Amino acid sequence: MSHLKIAVIGGGNIGSSLAFDCALRGQQVVVVERDADACEQSRARIEETASYAPLFSPLAKGKAAQDILRQIVWTTELEAISDCQFVVENIPENIELKEALYRRMAGFIADDAVVAANTSCIPITKLGSFHSRPEQVIGVHFMNPVYMKHTVEVIVSLTTSDQTRDRCLAMLATLGKKSVVVKDGPGFVSNRISHLFMNEAAFSIQDGIAKPADVDTIFKECFGHKMGPLETADLIGIDTVVNSLDVLYQLFQDSKYRVCPLMRNMVDAGHVGRKSGKGFYSY
């Protein structure tokens, strides 16, 4: 399974990073976006990534940005996914939007395709219930930036077939990814834990206990993390973190997932992290 055609639905931060990584590895990629402006924004993100990726990725060294970009097609037509073997859904963490998409996708997806939900916290079984063939749906949690993260979290739902799981793992291996397979549940393993870190770190700032750089330094220099929780929130997007925490709170009904008011205020102010130029840090 050395050659794949991959659809990436939603070319935001993680979707564009995934598209770049797949193209970097010589795969054909179709990025499906809601409109022409979103397509241009995705292309600009990938062009920017291609400009600095050689500094961090041995695989990107010596590869011209235009050669990578030639592997990617941008479109607003969902029908373009019909001949793709691997379809990755990356749209915002909004269950109504996802339900509408999964119901529309069912009319175009090939019978033997893998539908990978790169969602933050919504259970994969729930997303599969919106698809006419839920056995095709599996969770694949890519980490950002995708081209630098070689391990992914794979979530098998109650309805995911063994064939889908095996095909998905083989496709991920083709993309140079090691898979850690877990069972389904809100937030899975990674976000169920990581969002608590980010939320409590935000409370530490709100309560005046520390400055953002101090919180992140403790995580990096005391715990050995490569990034601190507030740097991570800025990278992911504070709006995305807030939406994910809302999902976790709704599904668990546990107050530990209540969103820090500071982060809600930041979202209202448009200070959502790297993509807006300002979050817990200025960019």
Protein backbone atom coordinates (compact mmCIF):
# COMPACT_ATOMS: atom_id res chain seq x y z
CA MET A 1 0.00 0.00 0.00
CA SER A 2 2.74 2.42 -1.06
CA HIS A 3 0.57 4.83 -3.08
CA LEU A 4 -2.55 6.39 -1.65
CA LYS A 5 -5.03 9.06 -2.62
CA ILE A 6 -5.99 10.89 0.54
CA ALA A 7 -8.83 13.33 1.14
CA VAL A 8 -8.45 15.90 3.90
CA ILE A 9 -11.79 17.54 4.68
CA GLY A 10 -11.07 20.79 6.47
CA GLY A 11 -7.81 22.60 5.79
CA GLY A 12 -7.35 24.42 9.08
CA ASN A 13 -4.18 24.18 11.15
CA ILE A 14 -4.16 20.41 11.63
CA GLY A 15 -5.74 19.64 8.24
CA SER A 16 -3.17 21.68 6.34
CA SER A 17 -0.36 20.17 8.39
CA LEU A 18 -1.66 16.69 7.57
CA ALA A 19 -1.99 17.51 3.86
CA PHE A 20 1.59 18.77 3.82
CA ASP A 21 2.89 15.64 5.55
CA CYS A 22 1.07 13.32 3.13
CA ALA A 23 2.31 15.26 0.09
CA LEU A 24 5.83 15.33 1.52
CA ARG A 25 5.69 11.52 1.50
CA GLY A 26 4.69 11.44 -2.17
CA GLN A 27 0.98 10.78 -1.72
CA GLN A 28 -1.79 12.44 -3.72
CA VAL A 29 -3.92 14.72 -1.57
CA VAL A 30 -7.29 16.39 -2.08
CA VAL A 31 -8.12 19.16 0.40
CA VAL A 32 -11.86 19.85 0.57
CA GLU A 33 -12.85 23.24 1.95
CA ARG A 34 -16.10 25.16 2.42
CA ASP A 35 -15.28 27.96 -0.05
CA ALA A 36 -12.57 29.42 -2.28
CA ASP A 37 -11.23 31.73 0.45
CA ALA A 38 -10.72 28.78 2.80
CA CYS A 39 -8.88 26.92 0.01
CA GLU A 40 -6.51 29.87 -0.41
CA GLN A 41 -5.93 30.08 3.33
CA SER A 42 -5.08 26.38 3.44
CA ARG A 43 -2.69 26.74 0.50
CA ALA A 44 -0.99 29.68 2.22
CA ARG A 45 -0.57 27.64 5.42
CA ILE A 46 1.03 24.79 3.50
CA GLU A 47 3.33 27.11 1.55
CA GLU A 48 4.47 28.62 4.85
CA THR A 49 5.06 25.16 6.33
CA ALA A 50 7.03 24.10 3.25
CA SER A 51 9.31 27.13 3.67
CA TYR A 52 10.52 26.21 7.18
CA ALA A 53 9.92 22.43 7.41
CA PRO A 54 13.45 21.61 6.09
CA LEU A 55 14.83 23.18 9.28
CA PHE A 56 13.09 20.55 11.38
CA SER A 57 12.41 17.53 9.18
CA PRO A 58 15.15 15.49 7.47
CA LEU A 59 12.49 14.24 5.06
CA ALA A 60 11.79 17.80 3.87
CA LYS A 61 15.43 18.70 3.25
CA GLY A 62 16.21 19.07 -0.44
CA LYS A 63 12.54 18.96 -1.49
CA ALA A 64 11.28 22.00 -3.35
CA ALA A 65 8.07 23.52 -2.03
CA GLN A 66 6.50 23.51 -5.49
CA ASP A 67 7.15 19.77 -5.90
CA ILE A 68 5.28 19.16 -2.65
CA LEU A 69 2.43 21.51 -3.56
CA ARG A 70 1.98 19.74 -6.92
CA GLN A 71 0.79 16.69 -4.97
CA ILE A 72 -2.14 18.65 -3.51
CA VAL A 73 -5.43 19.73 -5.10
CA TRP A 74 -7.84 22.13 -3.36
CA THR A 75 -11.56 21.98 -4.04
CA THR A 76 -14.93 22.94 -2.62
CA GLU A 77 -16.60 19.87 -4.16
CA LEU A 78 -17.21 17.02 -1.74
CA GLU A 79 -17.58 14.63 -4.69
CA ALA A 80 -13.79 14.79 -5.06
CA ILE A 81 -13.43 12.24 -2.24
CA SER A 82 -15.09 9.48 -4.28
CA ASP A 83 -11.83 7.84 -5.47
CA CYS A 84 -9.87 8.35 -2.24
CA GLN A 85 -8.88 5.34 -0.14
CA PHE A 86 -8.27 7.37 3.03
CA VAL A 87 -10.70 10.17 3.95
CA VAL A 88 -9.74 12.27 6.97
CA GLU A 89 -12.35 14.56 8.53
CA ASN A 90 -10.90 17.66 10.22
CA ILE A 91 -13.76 20.13 10.50
CA PRO A 92 -14.44 22.13 13.71
CA GLU A 93 -15.51 20.39 16.93
CA ASN A 94 -19.22 21.03 16.38
CA ILE A 95 -21.45 17.98 16.41
CA GLU A 96 -24.16 19.54 14.22
CA LEU A 97 -21.62 20.41 11.52
CA LYS A 98 -20.09 16.96 11.73
CA GLU A 99 -23.46 15.21 11.49
CA ALA A 100 -24.34 17.16 8.34
CA LEU A 101 -20.96 16.33 6.80
CA TYR A 102 -21.05 12.61 7.60
CA ARG A 103 -24.53 12.27 6.14
CA ARG A 104 -23.39 14.05 2.95
CA MET A 105 -20.12 12.09 2.72
CA ALA A 106 -21.92 8.76 2.69
CA GLY A 107 -23.10 9.38 -0.86
CA PHE A 108 -19.57 9.77 -2.22
CA ILE A 109 -17.25 7.53 -0.19
CA ALA A 110 -16.07 4.29 -1.82
CA ASP A 111 -17.19 1.06 -0.17
CA ASP A 112 -13.61 0.08 0.73
CA ALA A 113 -12.44 3.52 1.91
CA VAL A 114 -11.38 4.27 5.47
CA VAL A 115 -13.12 7.25 7.06
CA ALA A 116 -10.79 8.68 9.70
CA ALA A 117 -12.29 11.12 12.19
CA ASN A 118 -9.54 13.45 13.40
CA THR A 119 -11.86 14.86 16.04
CA SER A 120 -10.78 16.19 19.42
CA CYS A 121 -13.30 14.76 21.88
CA ILE A 122 -16.54 13.60 20.23
CA PRO A 123 -16.83 9.79 20.51
CA ILE A 124 -16.17 7.96 17.25
CA THR A 125 -19.21 5.72 17.79
CA LYS A 126 -21.36 8.86 17.75
CA LEU A 127 -19.80 10.10 14.51
CA GLY A 128 -20.18 6.66 12.95
CA SER A 129 -23.88 6.73 13.73
CA PHE A 130 -24.23 9.62 11.26
CA HIS A 131 -22.73 7.55 8.44
CA SER A 132 -24.69 4.94 6.49
CA ARG A 133 -21.75 2.52 6.86
CA PRO A 134 -20.50 3.07 10.43
CA GLU A 135 -18.12 0.13 10.14
CA GLN A 136 -15.95 2.33 7.87
CA VAL A 137 -15.45 5.02 10.51
CA ILE A 138 -12.44 5.01 12.84
CA GLY A 139 -10.75 7.70 14.94
CA VAL A 140 -7.25 8.85 14.02
CA HIS A 141 -5.84 11.60 16.22
CA PHE A 142 -2.94 13.22 14.42
CA MET A 143 -0.73 15.49 16.51
CA ASN A 144 0.40 18.93 15.37
CA PRO A 145 2.67 19.57 13.51
CA VAL A 146 1.91 16.31 11.74
CA TYR A 147 5.20 16.10 9.82
CA MET A 148 7.14 16.12 13.11
CA LYS A 149 4.91 13.71 15.03
CA HIS A 150 5.50 10.08 14.16
CA THR A 151 2.94 8.46 16.48
CA VAL A 152 -0.84 8.74 16.28
CA GLU A 153 -3.71 7.72 18.53
CA VAL A 154 -6.14 5.37 16.75
CA ILE A 155 -9.61 4.99 18.25
CA VAL A 156 -11.70 1.90 17.48
CA SER A 157 -15.41 2.52 18.01
CA LEU A 158 -18.09 -0.01 18.92
CA THR A 159 -19.01 -0.26 15.23
CA THR A 160 -15.58 -0.05 13.53
CA SER A 161 -14.91 -3.25 11.59
CA ASP A 162 -11.71 -5.25 11.92
CA GLN A 163 -11.12 -4.71 8.20
CA THR A 164 -11.31 -0.92 8.63
CA ARG A 165 -8.93 -1.07 11.60
CA ASP A 166 -6.39 -3.19 9.72
CA ARG A 167 -6.57 -1.10 6.55
CA CYS A 168 -6.22 2.09 8.58
CA LEU A 169 -3.13 0.82 10.41
CA ALA A 170 -1.56 -0.21 7.09
CA MET A 171 -2.26 3.22 5.58
CA LEU A 172 -0.79 4.99 8.59
CA ALA A 173 2.33 2.83 8.33
CA THR A 174 2.64 3.95 4.71
CA LEU A 175 2.60 7.53 6.02
CA GLY A 176 5.41 6.70 8.43
CA LYS A 177 3.19 6.68 11.52
CA LYS A 178 3.29 4.35 14.50
CA SER A 179 -0.20 3.70 15.88
CA VAL A 180 -1.36 3.36 19.47
CA VAL A 181 -4.81 1.73 19.38
CA VAL A 182 -7.31 2.60 22.12
CA LYS A 183 -11.01 2.10 22.72
CA ASP A 184 -13.64 4.77 22.19
CA GLY A 185 -14.69 7.33 24.81
CA PRO A 186 -15.00 11.12 25.11
CA GLY A 187 -11.60 12.70 24.53
CA PHE A 188 -10.06 9.22 24.11
CA VAL A 189 -6.76 9.16 26.05
CA SER A 190 -4.80 12.14 24.75
CA ASN A 191 -7.37 14.93 24.94
CA ARG A 192 -9.12 13.61 28.03
CA ILE A 193 -5.85 14.27 29.85
CA SER A 194 -4.18 17.10 27.88
CA HIS A 195 -7.19 19.41 28.02
CA LEU A 196 -7.15 19.24 31.82
CA PHE A 197 -3.54 20.46 31.71
CA MET A 198 -4.42 23.36 29.42
CA ASN A 199 -7.54 24.31 31.37
CA GLU A 200 -5.84 24.28 34.78
CA ALA A 201 -2.88 26.18 33.34
CA ALA A 202 -5.32 28.87 32.20
CA PHE A 203 -6.85 28.97 35.70
CA SER A 204 -3.33 29.51 37.08
CA ILE A 205 -3.02 32.60 34.90
CA GLN A 206 -6.54 33.82 35.71
CA ASP A 207 -5.89 33.44 39.45
CA GLY A 208 -2.63 35.39 39.20
CA ILE A 209 -0.49 32.49 40.40
CA ALA A 210 2.02 32.67 37.56
CA LYS A 211 2.79 34.14 34.15
CA PRO A 212 2.31 31.99 31.00
CA ALA A 213 6.05 31.58 30.45
CA ASP A 214 6.52 30.38 34.03
CA VAL A 215 3.78 27.75 33.71
CA ASP A 216 5.24 26.45 30.46
CA THR A 217 8.79 26.47 31.80
CA ILE A 218 7.73 24.22 34.68
CA PHE A 219 6.26 21.71 32.24
CA LYS A 220 9.27 21.81 29.94
CA GLU A 221 12.15 21.99 32.39
CA CYS A 222 10.68 20.14 35.37
CA PHE A 223 8.51 17.55 33.61
CA GLY A 224 10.49 17.25 30.37
CA HIS A 225 7.62 18.17 28.03
CA LYS A 226 8.63 19.62 24.66
CA MET A 227 5.90 22.27 24.91
CA GLY A 228 4.04 23.74 27.84
CA PRO A 229 0.23 23.58 28.10
CA LEU A 230 -0.30 27.25 27.23
CA GLU A 231 2.02 27.07 24.22
CA THR A 232 0.05 23.99 23.18
CA ALA A 233 -3.28 25.81 23.57
CA ASP A 234 -1.98 28.63 21.38
CA LEU A 235 -0.82 26.13 18.75
CA ILE A 236 -4.09 24.19 18.71
CA GLY A 237 -6.24 27.32 18.89
CA ILE A 238 -7.88 28.46 22.12
CA ASP A 239 -11.28 28.38 20.41
CA THR A 240 -10.73 24.71 19.58
CA VAL A 241 -9.66 23.98 23.16
CA VAL A 242 -12.77 25.69 24.53
CA ASN A 243 -15.05 23.78 22.14
CA SER A 244 -13.41 20.50 23.12
CA LEU A 245 -13.73 21.20 26.84
CA ASP A 246 -17.42 22.01 26.32
CA VAL A 247 -17.85 18.59 24.67
CA LEU A 248 -16.03 16.84 27.51
CA TYR A 249 -18.11 18.66 30.13
CA GLN A 250 -21.35 17.82 28.32
CA LEU A 251 -20.50 14.14 27.95
CA PHE A 252 -18.98 13.53 31.39
CA GLN A 253 -21.04 16.05 33.39
CA ASP A 254 -17.90 16.48 35.52
CA SER A 255 -16.97 19.93 36.79
CA LYS A 256 -13.26 19.29 36.25
CA TYR A 257 -13.90 19.98 32.55
CA ARG A 258 -15.61 23.36 33.07
CA VAL A 259 -13.94 25.93 30.85
CA CYS A 260 -11.73 28.53 32.47
CA PRO A 261 -13.57 31.88 32.02
CA LEU A 262 -10.32 33.51 30.92
CA MET A 263 -10.18 31.31 27.84
CA ARG A 264 -13.80 32.10 26.96
CA ASN A 265 -13.03 35.80 27.21
CA MET A 266 -9.97 35.35 25.01
CA VAL A 267 -12.09 33.65 22.36
CA ASP A 268 -14.63 36.48 22.51
CA ALA A 269 -11.78 38.97 22.03
CA GLY A 270 -10.41 37.01 19.04
CA HIS A 271 -7.21 36.14 20.92
CA VAL A 272 -7.19 32.47 19.92
CA GLY A 273 -3.47 31.79 19.62
CA ARG A 274 -0.99 31.54 16.77
CA LYS A 275 -3.59 31.73 14.00
CA SER A 276 -4.80 35.15 15.22
CA GLY A 277 -1.38 36.46 16.23
CA LYS A 278 -2.25 36.64 19.92
CA GLY A 279 -3.21 34.18 22.63
CA PHE A 280 -1.36 33.53 25.85
CA TYR A 281 1.62 34.85 23.85
CA SER A 282 1.98 37.37 21.02
CA TYR A 283 3.17 36.17 17.60
